[in-house]
Amino acid sequence: MSDVVAIPVHQRTIALVGLMGVGKSTVGRRLARRLNLPFADGDVEIEAAAHMSVSDIFGQLGEPEFRAGEARVMKRLLLGPRLILATGGGAILNPDTRDLMKARATTVWMRADLDVVAQRVQRRDTRPLLRGRDPVEALRAMAEVRYPLYATADVVVDVAGGGHADAVEAIVCGLEAFGAVETTR
């Protein structure tokens, strides 16, 4: 990925990273409205490209094929026009995707307590990586691998303490401090 041209911080996509259930999609939509930028949900884009749901991709093709498709979609989105991007929780595992995010995006780690995330993800049975597993243990195993990667994000925001509006506000403040957006107040 060394042929990827880095772009100035204030022109970069804003990529939300973090475990499933932290609110990347919901907060991302609100953040996009606040910053007047387009929004893309990585999982929705993967489903559109594959003409299958994430669950079906995992069930019929397996996680490796899902991850390959995810990497292709992330590349397309990260090389495209500036937007707010809700990445899948595991997108950051791919080294090429990480390199693209470093060059083309301002990354925001939406961090939340594992118990809070576990409560959120148990509300729906649409998470293939949690099926048949204890959610807290599964999330803890994911966190062990992913947190060191998430920790390299440009902005880190704790999002479990309040509502979506609070998360948007905290992210905007972090982005302003980082120089990724103009002051919006």
N, C-alpha and C. Protein backbone atom coordinates (compact mmCIF):
# COMPACT_ATOMS: atom_id res chain seq x y z
N MET A 1 0.81 -1.20 0.00
CA MET A 1 0.00 0.00 0.00
C MET A 1 0.85 1.26 0.00
N SER A 2 2.13 1.15 -0.20
CA SER A 2 3.00 2.32 -0.16
C SER A 2 2.73 3.29 -1.31
N ASP A 3 1.94 2.86 -2.31
CA ASP A 3 1.62 3.74 -3.42
C ASP A 3 0.40 4.63 -3.14
N VAL A 4 -0.18 4.50 -1.96
CA VAL A 4 -1.34 5.32 -1.59
C VAL A 4 -0.86 6.69 -1.17
N VAL A 5 -1.45 7.71 -1.76
CA VAL A 5 -1.08 9.08 -1.46
C VAL A 5 -1.87 9.56 -0.26
N ALA A 6 -1.14 10.04 0.76
CA ALA A 6 -1.80 10.61 1.93
C ALA A 6 -2.42 11.95 1.56
N ILE A 7 -3.51 12.28 2.22
CA ILE A 7 -4.18 13.56 1.96
C ILE A 7 -4.23 14.36 3.25
N PRO A 8 -4.38 15.69 3.13
CA PRO A 8 -4.41 16.53 4.34
C PRO A 8 -5.52 16.12 5.30
N VAL A 9 -5.27 16.28 6.58
CA VAL A 9 -6.19 15.84 7.63
C VAL A 9 -7.60 16.39 7.43
N HIS A 10 -7.73 17.67 7.09
CA HIS A 10 -9.05 18.27 6.98
C HIS A 10 -9.84 17.82 5.75
N GLN A 11 -9.20 17.03 4.87
CA GLN A 11 -9.89 16.50 3.68
C GLN A 11 -10.15 15.00 3.79
N ARG A 12 -9.76 14.41 4.88
CA ARG A 12 -9.86 12.95 5.01
C ARG A 12 -11.24 12.48 5.41
N THR A 13 -11.53 11.26 5.01
CA THR A 13 -12.71 10.55 5.53
C THR A 13 -12.54 10.42 7.03
N ILE A 14 -13.65 10.40 7.74
CA ILE A 14 -13.63 10.17 9.18
C ILE A 14 -14.14 8.75 9.38
N ALA A 15 -13.24 7.86 9.80
CA ALA A 15 -13.55 6.44 9.95
C ALA A 15 -13.76 6.11 11.42
N LEU A 16 -14.95 5.64 11.74
CA LEU A 16 -15.27 5.24 13.10
C LEU A 16 -14.90 3.78 13.28
N VAL A 17 -14.08 3.50 14.29
CA VAL A 17 -13.64 2.14 14.57
C VAL A 17 -14.04 1.79 16.00
N GLY A 18 -14.14 0.50 16.27
CA GLY A 18 -14.49 0.03 17.60
C GLY A 18 -15.25 -1.28 17.50
N LEU A 19 -15.45 -1.90 18.65
CA LEU A 19 -16.16 -3.17 18.68
C LEU A 19 -17.59 -3.03 18.19
N MET A 20 -18.15 -4.14 17.75
CA MET A 20 -19.57 -4.17 17.40
C MET A 20 -20.37 -3.70 18.60
N GLY A 21 -21.44 -2.97 18.34
CA GLY A 21 -22.32 -2.56 19.42
C GLY A 21 -21.98 -1.24 20.10
N VAL A 22 -20.88 -0.59 19.70
CA VAL A 22 -20.55 0.69 20.34
C VAL A 22 -21.35 1.85 19.75
N GLY A 23 -22.01 1.62 18.62
CA GLY A 23 -22.85 2.66 18.04
C GLY A 23 -22.26 3.34 16.83
N LYS A 24 -21.32 2.70 16.15
CA LYS A 24 -20.67 3.35 15.01
C LYS A 24 -21.67 3.76 13.93
N SER A 25 -22.62 2.89 13.62
CA SER A 25 -23.59 3.21 12.56
C SER A 25 -24.55 4.31 12.99
N THR A 26 -25.14 4.17 14.15
CA THR A 26 -26.12 5.15 14.61
C THR A 26 -25.48 6.51 14.84
N VAL A 27 -24.36 6.52 15.55
CA VAL A 27 -23.66 7.78 15.82
C VAL A 27 -23.09 8.34 14.52
N GLY A 28 -22.61 7.46 13.65
CA GLY A 28 -22.05 7.91 12.37
C GLY A 28 -23.05 8.67 11.52
N ARG A 29 -24.29 8.19 11.47
CA ARG A 29 -25.33 8.89 10.71
C ARG A 29 -25.54 10.30 11.27
N ARG A 30 -25.61 10.39 12.59
CA ARG A 30 -25.83 11.69 13.23
C ARG A 30 -24.62 12.60 13.04
N LEU A 31 -23.43 12.03 13.13
CA LEU A 31 -22.21 12.80 12.92
C LEU A 31 -22.16 13.34 11.49
N ALA A 32 -22.54 12.52 10.53
CA ALA A 32 -22.56 12.95 9.12
C ALA A 32 -23.50 14.13 8.94
N ARG A 33 -24.68 14.06 9.55
CA ARG A 33 -25.62 15.20 9.46
C ARG A 33 -25.01 16.44 10.10
N ARG A 34 -24.39 16.26 11.25
CA ARG A 34 -23.80 17.40 11.97
C ARG A 34 -22.70 18.06 11.15
N LEU A 35 -21.89 17.25 10.48
CA LEU A 35 -20.75 17.79 9.73
C LEU A 35 -21.08 18.00 8.25
N ASN A 36 -22.32 17.72 7.86
CA ASN A 36 -22.75 17.89 6.48
C ASN A 36 -21.87 17.10 5.50
N LEU A 37 -21.66 15.84 5.85
CA LEU A 37 -20.89 14.93 5.01
C LEU A 37 -21.74 13.70 4.70
N PRO A 38 -21.44 13.02 3.59
CA PRO A 38 -22.14 11.77 3.31
C PRO A 38 -21.75 10.71 4.35
N PHE A 39 -22.60 9.70 4.49
CA PHE A 39 -22.36 8.62 5.43
C PHE A 39 -22.36 7.29 4.70
N ALA A 40 -21.47 6.40 5.11
CA ALA A 40 -21.47 5.01 4.60
C ALA A 40 -21.27 4.07 5.77
N ASP A 41 -22.06 3.01 5.78
CA ASP A 41 -21.94 1.94 6.76
C ASP A 41 -21.23 0.78 6.06
N GLY A 42 -20.07 0.41 6.57
CA GLY A 42 -19.28 -0.64 5.93
C GLY A 42 -20.05 -1.93 5.72
N ASP A 43 -20.80 -2.38 6.74
CA ASP A 43 -21.54 -3.63 6.61
C ASP A 43 -22.63 -3.53 5.54
N VAL A 44 -23.32 -2.40 5.47
CA VAL A 44 -24.34 -2.20 4.44
C VAL A 44 -23.71 -2.23 3.05
N GLU A 45 -22.55 -1.60 2.92
CA GLU A 45 -21.84 -1.58 1.64
C GLU A 45 -21.37 -2.98 1.25
N ILE A 46 -20.93 -3.77 2.22
CA ILE A 46 -20.51 -5.15 1.95
C ILE A 46 -21.71 -5.97 1.48
N GLU A 47 -22.84 -5.81 2.18
CA GLU A 47 -24.05 -6.54 1.79
C GLU A 47 -24.48 -6.17 0.38
N ALA A 48 -24.41 -4.90 0.03
CA ALA A 48 -24.80 -4.46 -1.31
C ALA A 48 -23.86 -5.05 -2.37
N ALA A 49 -22.57 -5.06 -2.07
CA ALA A 49 -21.60 -5.60 -3.03
C ALA A 49 -21.77 -7.10 -3.22
N ALA A 50 -22.09 -7.80 -2.13
CA ALA A 50 -22.20 -9.26 -2.19
C ALA A 50 -23.62 -9.74 -2.54
N HIS A 51 -24.59 -8.83 -2.48
CA HIS A 51 -25.99 -9.20 -2.66
C HIS A 51 -26.41 -10.27 -1.65
N MET A 52 -25.84 -10.16 -0.45
CA MET A 52 -26.13 -11.10 0.64
C MET A 52 -26.00 -10.35 1.96
N SER A 53 -26.67 -10.85 2.98
CA SER A 53 -26.51 -10.26 4.31
C SER A 53 -25.16 -10.70 4.89
N VAL A 54 -24.70 -9.95 5.87
CA VAL A 54 -23.45 -10.32 6.54
C VAL A 54 -23.58 -11.73 7.12
N SER A 55 -24.72 -12.03 7.75
CA SER A 55 -24.93 -13.37 8.32
C SER A 55 -24.84 -14.45 7.25
N ASP A 56 -25.45 -14.18 6.07
CA ASP A 56 -25.40 -15.16 4.98
C ASP A 56 -23.99 -15.32 4.43
N ILE A 57 -23.25 -14.22 4.34
CA ILE A 57 -21.87 -14.32 3.87
C ILE A 57 -21.07 -15.22 4.81
N PHE A 58 -21.18 -14.96 6.11
CA PHE A 58 -20.48 -15.79 7.09
C PHE A 58 -20.93 -17.24 7.00
N GLY A 59 -22.26 -17.46 6.92
CA GLY A 59 -22.79 -18.81 6.93
C GLY A 59 -22.49 -19.60 5.67
N GLN A 60 -22.56 -18.95 4.52
CA GLN A 60 -22.38 -19.66 3.25
C GLN A 60 -20.95 -19.63 2.73
N LEU A 61 -20.24 -18.55 2.98
CA LEU A 61 -18.90 -18.40 2.39
C LEU A 61 -17.79 -18.43 3.43
N GLY A 62 -18.13 -18.15 4.68
CA GLY A 62 -17.14 -18.18 5.75
C GLY A 62 -16.52 -16.82 6.04
N GLU A 63 -15.92 -16.72 7.21
CA GLU A 63 -15.31 -15.45 7.62
C GLU A 63 -14.19 -15.00 6.69
N PRO A 64 -13.31 -15.90 6.21
CA PRO A 64 -12.25 -15.40 5.31
C PRO A 64 -12.78 -14.68 4.07
N GLU A 65 -13.86 -15.19 3.49
CA GLU A 65 -14.43 -14.52 2.30
C GLU A 65 -15.08 -13.20 2.70
N PHE A 66 -15.73 -13.19 3.87
CA PHE A 66 -16.29 -11.93 4.35
C PHE A 66 -15.18 -10.90 4.50
N ARG A 67 -14.08 -11.28 5.13
CA ARG A 67 -12.97 -10.34 5.37
C ARG A 67 -12.36 -9.86 4.05
N ALA A 68 -12.28 -10.74 3.05
CA ALA A 68 -11.75 -10.33 1.74
C ALA A 68 -12.68 -9.30 1.10
N GLY A 69 -13.99 -9.56 1.16
CA GLY A 69 -14.95 -8.59 0.62
C GLY A 69 -14.92 -7.29 1.40
N GLU A 70 -14.78 -7.39 2.70
CA GLU A 70 -14.71 -6.19 3.55
C GLU A 70 -13.50 -5.34 3.16
N ALA A 71 -12.36 -5.97 2.91
CA ALA A 71 -11.15 -5.23 2.53
C ALA A 71 -11.36 -4.52 1.19
N ARG A 72 -12.03 -5.18 0.24
CA ARG A 72 -12.29 -4.54 -1.05
C ARG A 72 -13.22 -3.33 -0.89
N VAL A 73 -14.24 -3.48 -0.09
CA VAL A 73 -15.19 -2.38 0.13
C VAL A 73 -14.51 -1.24 0.87
N MET A 74 -13.73 -1.55 1.90
CA MET A 74 -13.03 -0.49 2.64
C MET A 74 -12.09 0.28 1.71
N LYS A 75 -11.40 -0.43 0.83
CA LYS A 75 -10.49 0.23 -0.11
C LYS A 75 -11.26 1.18 -1.01
N ARG A 76 -12.37 0.71 -1.56
CA ARG A 76 -13.19 1.56 -2.44
C ARG A 76 -13.66 2.81 -1.71
N LEU A 77 -14.15 2.63 -0.49
CA LEU A 77 -14.67 3.77 0.27
C LEU A 77 -13.56 4.73 0.70
N LEU A 78 -12.44 4.18 1.13
CA LEU A 78 -11.34 5.03 1.60
C LEU A 78 -10.65 5.77 0.46
N LEU A 79 -10.70 5.24 -0.74
CA LEU A 79 -10.10 5.93 -1.89
C LEU A 79 -11.09 6.90 -2.54
N GLY A 80 -12.32 6.88 -2.10
CA GLY A 80 -13.35 7.75 -2.66
C GLY A 80 -13.40 9.10 -1.97
N PRO A 81 -14.47 9.86 -2.24
CA PRO A 81 -14.64 11.18 -1.64
C PRO A 81 -14.79 11.12 -0.12
N ARG A 82 -14.52 12.23 0.52
CA ARG A 82 -14.60 12.34 1.98
C ARG A 82 -16.01 12.01 2.47
N LEU A 83 -16.08 11.24 3.55
CA LEU A 83 -17.36 10.88 4.14
C LEU A 83 -17.14 10.44 5.58
N ILE A 84 -18.24 10.16 6.26
CA ILE A 84 -18.19 9.52 7.56
C ILE A 84 -18.38 8.04 7.30
N LEU A 85 -17.48 7.21 7.78
CA LEU A 85 -17.49 5.77 7.51
C LEU A 85 -17.58 4.99 8.81
N ALA A 86 -18.66 4.25 8.98
CA ALA A 86 -18.78 3.32 10.10
C ALA A 86 -18.18 2.00 9.64
N THR A 87 -16.98 1.70 10.13
CA THR A 87 -16.32 0.46 9.72
C THR A 87 -16.89 -0.70 10.53
N GLY A 88 -16.75 -1.90 9.99
CA GLY A 88 -17.05 -3.08 10.78
C GLY A 88 -16.00 -3.22 11.87
N GLY A 89 -16.36 -3.85 12.97
CA GLY A 89 -15.44 -3.96 14.10
C GLY A 89 -14.13 -4.64 13.76
N GLY A 90 -14.15 -5.55 12.78
CA GLY A 90 -12.94 -6.28 12.42
C GLY A 90 -12.20 -5.73 11.22
N ALA A 91 -12.70 -4.66 10.61
CA ALA A 91 -12.06 -4.11 9.41
C ALA A 91 -10.60 -3.75 9.68
N ILE A 92 -10.33 -3.31 10.88
CA ILE A 92 -8.99 -2.85 11.24
C ILE A 92 -7.97 -3.99 11.32
N LEU A 93 -8.45 -5.23 11.30
CA LEU A 93 -7.54 -6.38 11.37
C LEU A 93 -6.71 -6.53 10.09
N ASN A 94 -7.22 -6.01 8.98
CA ASN A 94 -6.52 -6.15 7.71
C ASN A 94 -5.42 -5.09 7.60
N PRO A 95 -4.16 -5.52 7.43
CA PRO A 95 -3.05 -4.55 7.37
C PRO A 95 -3.19 -3.52 6.24
N ASP A 96 -3.70 -3.94 5.08
CA ASP A 96 -3.87 -3.00 3.97
C ASP A 96 -4.94 -1.96 4.31
N THR A 97 -6.00 -2.39 4.95
CA THR A 97 -7.04 -1.45 5.37
C THR A 97 -6.48 -0.47 6.39
N ARG A 98 -5.70 -0.97 7.34
CA ARG A 98 -5.07 -0.08 8.34
C ARG A 98 -4.19 0.95 7.65
N ASP A 99 -3.39 0.52 6.67
CA ASP A 99 -2.52 1.45 5.95
C ASP A 99 -3.34 2.51 5.21
N LEU A 100 -4.43 2.08 4.57
CA LEU A 100 -5.29 3.03 3.87
C LEU A 100 -5.92 4.02 4.85
N MET A 101 -6.35 3.52 6.00
CA MET A 101 -6.94 4.43 6.99
C MET A 101 -5.90 5.43 7.48
N LYS A 102 -4.68 4.98 7.66
CA LYS A 102 -3.62 5.88 8.14
C LYS A 102 -3.38 7.00 7.12
N ALA A 103 -3.43 6.67 5.83
CA ALA A 103 -3.14 7.65 4.78
C ALA A 103 -4.35 8.49 4.38
N ARG A 104 -5.55 7.93 4.48
CA ARG A 104 -6.72 8.57 3.87
C ARG A 104 -7.85 8.92 4.83
N ALA A 105 -7.70 8.57 6.11
CA ALA A 105 -8.81 8.80 7.05
C ALA A 105 -8.28 9.33 8.38
N THR A 106 -9.15 10.03 9.06
CA THR A 106 -8.95 10.33 10.47
C THR A 106 -9.76 9.27 11.20
N THR A 107 -9.10 8.48 12.02
CA THR A 107 -9.79 7.39 12.70
C THR A 107 -10.23 7.82 14.10
N VAL A 108 -11.42 7.39 14.46
CA VAL A 108 -12.00 7.69 15.77
C VAL A 108 -12.36 6.36 16.42
N TRP A 109 -11.70 6.04 17.54
CA TRP A 109 -12.05 4.84 18.29
C TRP A 109 -13.19 5.17 19.22
N MET A 110 -14.33 4.58 18.96
CA MET A 110 -15.48 4.71 19.85
C MET A 110 -15.34 3.60 20.90
N ARG A 111 -14.89 3.98 22.07
CA ARG A 111 -14.57 3.02 23.12
C ARG A 111 -15.70 2.96 24.14
N ALA A 112 -16.05 1.74 24.55
CA ALA A 112 -17.11 1.54 25.55
C ALA A 112 -16.76 0.33 26.40
N ASP A 113 -17.27 0.32 27.61
CA ASP A 113 -17.09 -0.80 28.54
C ASP A 113 -17.67 -2.07 27.93
N LEU A 114 -16.96 -3.18 28.07
CA LEU A 114 -17.39 -4.45 27.46
C LEU A 114 -18.76 -4.89 27.96
N ASP A 115 -19.08 -4.68 29.21
CA ASP A 115 -20.39 -5.08 29.73
C ASP A 115 -21.51 -4.30 29.06
N VAL A 116 -21.29 -3.01 28.81
CA VAL A 116 -22.29 -2.19 28.12
C VAL A 116 -22.46 -2.69 26.69
N VAL A 117 -21.35 -2.96 26.02
CA VAL A 117 -21.41 -3.46 24.64
C VAL A 117 -22.13 -4.80 24.59
N ALA A 118 -21.82 -5.68 25.55
CA ALA A 118 -22.46 -7.00 25.59
C ALA A 118 -23.97 -6.87 25.74
N GLN A 119 -24.43 -5.95 26.58
CA GLN A 119 -25.87 -5.73 26.73
C GLN A 119 -26.49 -5.27 25.41
N ARG A 120 -25.80 -4.39 24.71
CA ARG A 120 -26.33 -3.87 23.44
C ARG A 120 -26.42 -4.95 22.38
N VAL A 121 -25.38 -5.77 22.24
CA VAL A 121 -25.36 -6.74 21.14
C VAL A 121 -26.29 -7.92 21.39
N GLN A 122 -26.69 -8.14 22.62
CA GLN A 122 -27.61 -9.25 22.91
C GLN A 122 -29.04 -8.94 22.48
N ARG A 123 -29.32 -7.69 22.14
CA ARG A 123 -30.67 -7.30 21.75
C ARG A 123 -31.10 -7.89 20.41
N ARG A 124 -30.12 -8.19 19.55
CA ARG A 124 -30.43 -8.75 18.22
C ARG A 124 -29.52 -9.93 17.96
N ASP A 125 -30.04 -10.91 17.22
CA ASP A 125 -29.26 -12.10 16.89
C ASP A 125 -28.70 -11.99 15.48
N THR A 126 -28.07 -10.86 15.16
CA THR A 126 -27.57 -10.66 13.81
C THR A 126 -26.05 -10.61 13.76
N ARG A 127 -25.39 -11.00 14.82
CA ARG A 127 -23.93 -10.91 14.91
C ARG A 127 -23.31 -12.30 14.78
N PRO A 128 -22.82 -12.65 13.58
CA PRO A 128 -22.30 -14.01 13.37
C PRO A 128 -21.16 -14.39 14.32
N LEU A 129 -20.34 -13.44 14.71
CA LEU A 129 -19.21 -13.77 15.57
C LEU A 129 -19.63 -14.04 17.02
N LEU A 130 -20.89 -13.81 17.34
CA LEU A 130 -21.38 -14.06 18.70
C LEU A 130 -22.28 -15.28 18.80
N ARG A 131 -22.71 -15.81 17.69
CA ARG A 131 -23.66 -16.93 17.71
C ARG A 131 -23.08 -18.13 18.47
N GLY A 132 -23.87 -18.59 19.43
CA GLY A 132 -23.47 -19.77 20.19
C GLY A 132 -22.36 -19.52 21.19
N ARG A 133 -22.06 -18.27 21.46
CA ARG A 133 -20.98 -17.93 22.38
C ARG A 133 -21.50 -17.00 23.46
N ASP A 134 -20.85 -16.99 24.60
CA ASP A 134 -21.15 -16.01 25.63
C ASP A 134 -20.68 -14.65 25.13
N PRO A 135 -21.58 -13.67 25.01
CA PRO A 135 -21.20 -12.38 24.42
C PRO A 135 -20.04 -11.69 25.13
N VAL A 136 -20.03 -11.72 26.45
CA VAL A 136 -18.95 -11.04 27.18
C VAL A 136 -17.61 -11.71 26.89
N GLU A 137 -17.60 -13.04 26.90
CA GLU A 137 -16.34 -13.75 26.62
C GLU A 137 -15.90 -13.53 25.18
N ALA A 138 -16.84 -13.57 24.25
CA ALA A 138 -16.50 -13.35 22.83
C ALA A 138 -15.95 -11.93 22.63
N LEU A 139 -16.62 -10.95 23.23
CA LEU A 139 -16.16 -9.56 23.11
C LEU A 139 -14.81 -9.37 23.78
N ARG A 140 -14.60 -10.03 24.91
CA ARG A 140 -13.31 -9.92 25.60
C ARG A 140 -12.19 -10.47 24.71
N ALA A 141 -12.45 -11.59 24.05
CA ALA A 141 -11.44 -12.17 23.15
C ALA A 141 -11.17 -11.23 21.97
N MET A 142 -12.23 -10.62 21.42
CA MET A 142 -12.05 -9.67 20.32
C MET A 142 -11.26 -8.45 20.81
N ALA A 143 -11.62 -7.96 21.98
CA ALA A 143 -10.96 -6.77 22.53
C ALA A 143 -9.46 -7.03 22.72
N GLU A 144 -9.11 -8.21 23.15
CA GLU A 144 -7.70 -8.53 23.37
C GLU A 144 -6.88 -8.37 22.09
N VAL A 145 -7.47 -8.76 20.98
CA VAL A 145 -6.79 -8.66 19.69
C VAL A 145 -6.92 -7.26 19.09
N ARG A 146 -8.09 -6.67 19.20
CA ARG A 146 -8.40 -5.43 18.48
C ARG A 146 -8.04 -4.15 19.22
N TYR A 147 -8.11 -4.15 20.53
CA TYR A 147 -7.85 -2.90 21.27
C TYR A 147 -6.49 -2.29 20.96
N PRO A 148 -5.42 -3.09 20.86
CA PRO A 148 -4.14 -2.46 20.50
C PRO A 148 -4.18 -1.78 19.12
N LEU A 149 -4.99 -2.30 18.20
CA LEU A 149 -5.12 -1.68 16.88
C LEU A 149 -6.02 -0.45 16.96
N TYR A 150 -7.13 -0.55 17.68
CA TYR A 150 -8.00 0.61 17.86
C TYR A 150 -7.24 1.75 18.55
N ALA A 151 -6.35 1.39 19.46
CA ALA A 151 -5.62 2.40 20.24
C ALA A 151 -4.72 3.28 19.38
N THR A 152 -4.47 2.88 18.15
CA THR A 152 -3.66 3.70 17.25
C THR A 152 -4.51 4.78 16.55
N ALA A 153 -5.79 4.83 16.88
CA ALA A 153 -6.69 5.82 16.26
C ALA A 153 -6.22 7.23 16.56
N ASP A 154 -6.56 8.14 15.66
CA ASP A 154 -6.20 9.55 15.82
C ASP A 154 -6.94 10.20 16.98
N VAL A 155 -8.18 9.78 17.20
CA VAL A 155 -9.03 10.34 18.25
C VAL A 155 -9.66 9.17 19.00
N VAL A 156 -9.68 9.24 20.32
CA VAL A 156 -10.31 8.21 21.14
C VAL A 156 -11.41 8.87 21.95
N VAL A 157 -12.62 8.31 21.88
CA VAL A 157 -13.77 8.88 22.57
C VAL A 157 -14.48 7.77 23.33
N ASP A 158 -14.71 7.99 24.62
CA ASP A 158 -15.52 7.06 25.41
C ASP A 158 -16.98 7.38 25.16
N VAL A 159 -17.74 6.36 24.72
CA VAL A 159 -19.10 6.61 24.27
C VAL A 159 -20.19 5.91 25.08
N ALA A 160 -19.85 5.17 26.09
CA ALA A 160 -20.87 4.39 26.80
C ALA A 160 -21.60 5.19 27.86
N GLY A 161 -21.09 6.35 28.23
CA GLY A 161 -21.66 7.07 29.35
C GLY A 161 -22.93 7.85 29.07
N GLY A 162 -23.23 8.14 27.83
CA GLY A 162 -24.40 8.96 27.54
C GLY A 162 -25.11 8.50 26.29
N GLY A 163 -25.94 9.37 25.76
CA GLY A 163 -26.70 9.05 24.56
C GLY A 163 -25.91 9.33 23.30
N HIS A 164 -26.59 9.11 22.18
CA HIS A 164 -25.96 9.31 20.88
C HIS A 164 -25.54 10.76 20.66
N ALA A 165 -26.36 11.70 21.10
CA ALA A 165 -26.01 13.12 20.94
C ALA A 165 -24.73 13.45 21.70
N ASP A 166 -24.56 12.85 22.88
CA ASP A 166 -23.34 13.07 23.66
C ASP A 166 -22.12 12.50 22.92
N ALA A 167 -22.30 11.33 22.31
CA ALA A 167 -21.20 10.72 21.56
C ALA A 167 -20.81 11.59 20.37
N VAL A 168 -21.81 12.11 19.65
CA VAL A 168 -21.52 12.98 18.51
C VAL A 168 -20.75 14.21 18.99
N GLU A 169 -21.20 14.80 20.06
CA GLU A 169 -20.54 16.00 20.59
C GLU A 169 -19.10 15.70 20.97
N ALA A 170 -18.87 14.58 21.65
CA ALA A 170 -17.52 14.21 22.06
C ALA A 170 -16.62 13.96 20.84
N ILE A 171 -17.17 13.32 19.81
CA ILE A 171 -16.39 13.06 18.60
C ILE A 171 -16.05 14.37 17.90
N VAL A 172 -17.03 15.26 17.77
CA VAL A 172 -16.78 16.55 17.12
C VAL A 172 -15.67 17.29 17.87
N CYS A 173 -15.74 17.31 19.19
CA CYS A 173 -14.69 17.99 19.99
C CYS A 173 -13.32 17.36 19.72
N GLY A 174 -13.27 16.04 19.69
CA GLY A 174 -12.02 15.35 19.41
C GLY A 174 -11.49 15.64 18.02
N LEU A 175 -12.39 15.68 17.03
CA LEU A 175 -12.00 15.98 15.65
C LEU A 175 -11.51 17.41 15.52
N GLU A 176 -12.17 18.35 16.21
CA GLU A 176 -11.72 19.74 16.19
C GLU A 176 -10.32 19.86 16.78
N ALA A 177 -10.10 19.20 17.91
CA ALA A 177 -8.79 19.26 18.56
C ALA A 177 -7.71 18.66 17.68
N PHE A 178 -8.07 17.64 16.91
CA PHE A 178 -7.11 16.98 16.02
C PHE A 178 -6.88 17.78 14.73
N GLY A 179 -7.78 18.70 14.42
CA GLY A 179 -7.66 19.50 13.20
C GLY A 179 -8.34 18.87 12.01
N ALA A 180 -9.20 17.89 12.26
CA ALA A 180 -9.86 17.19 11.15
C ALA A 180 -11.13 17.90 10.68
N VAL A 181 -11.67 18.78 11.51
CA VAL A 181 -12.84 19.56 11.11
C VAL A 181 -12.67 20.97 11.63
N GLU A 182 -13.35 21.90 10.95
CA GLU A 182 -13.38 23.28 11.42
C GLU A 182 -14.20 23.35 12.70
N THR A 183 -13.97 24.33 13.50
CA THR A 183 -14.78 24.52 14.70
C THR A 183 -16.22 24.72 14.25
N THR A 184 -17.13 23.94 14.84
CA THR A 184 -18.52 23.96 14.39
C THR A 184 -19.45 24.68 15.37
N ARG A 185 -18.89 25.38 16.33
CA ARG A 185 -19.72 26.09 17.32
C ARG A 185 -19.93 27.50 16.93
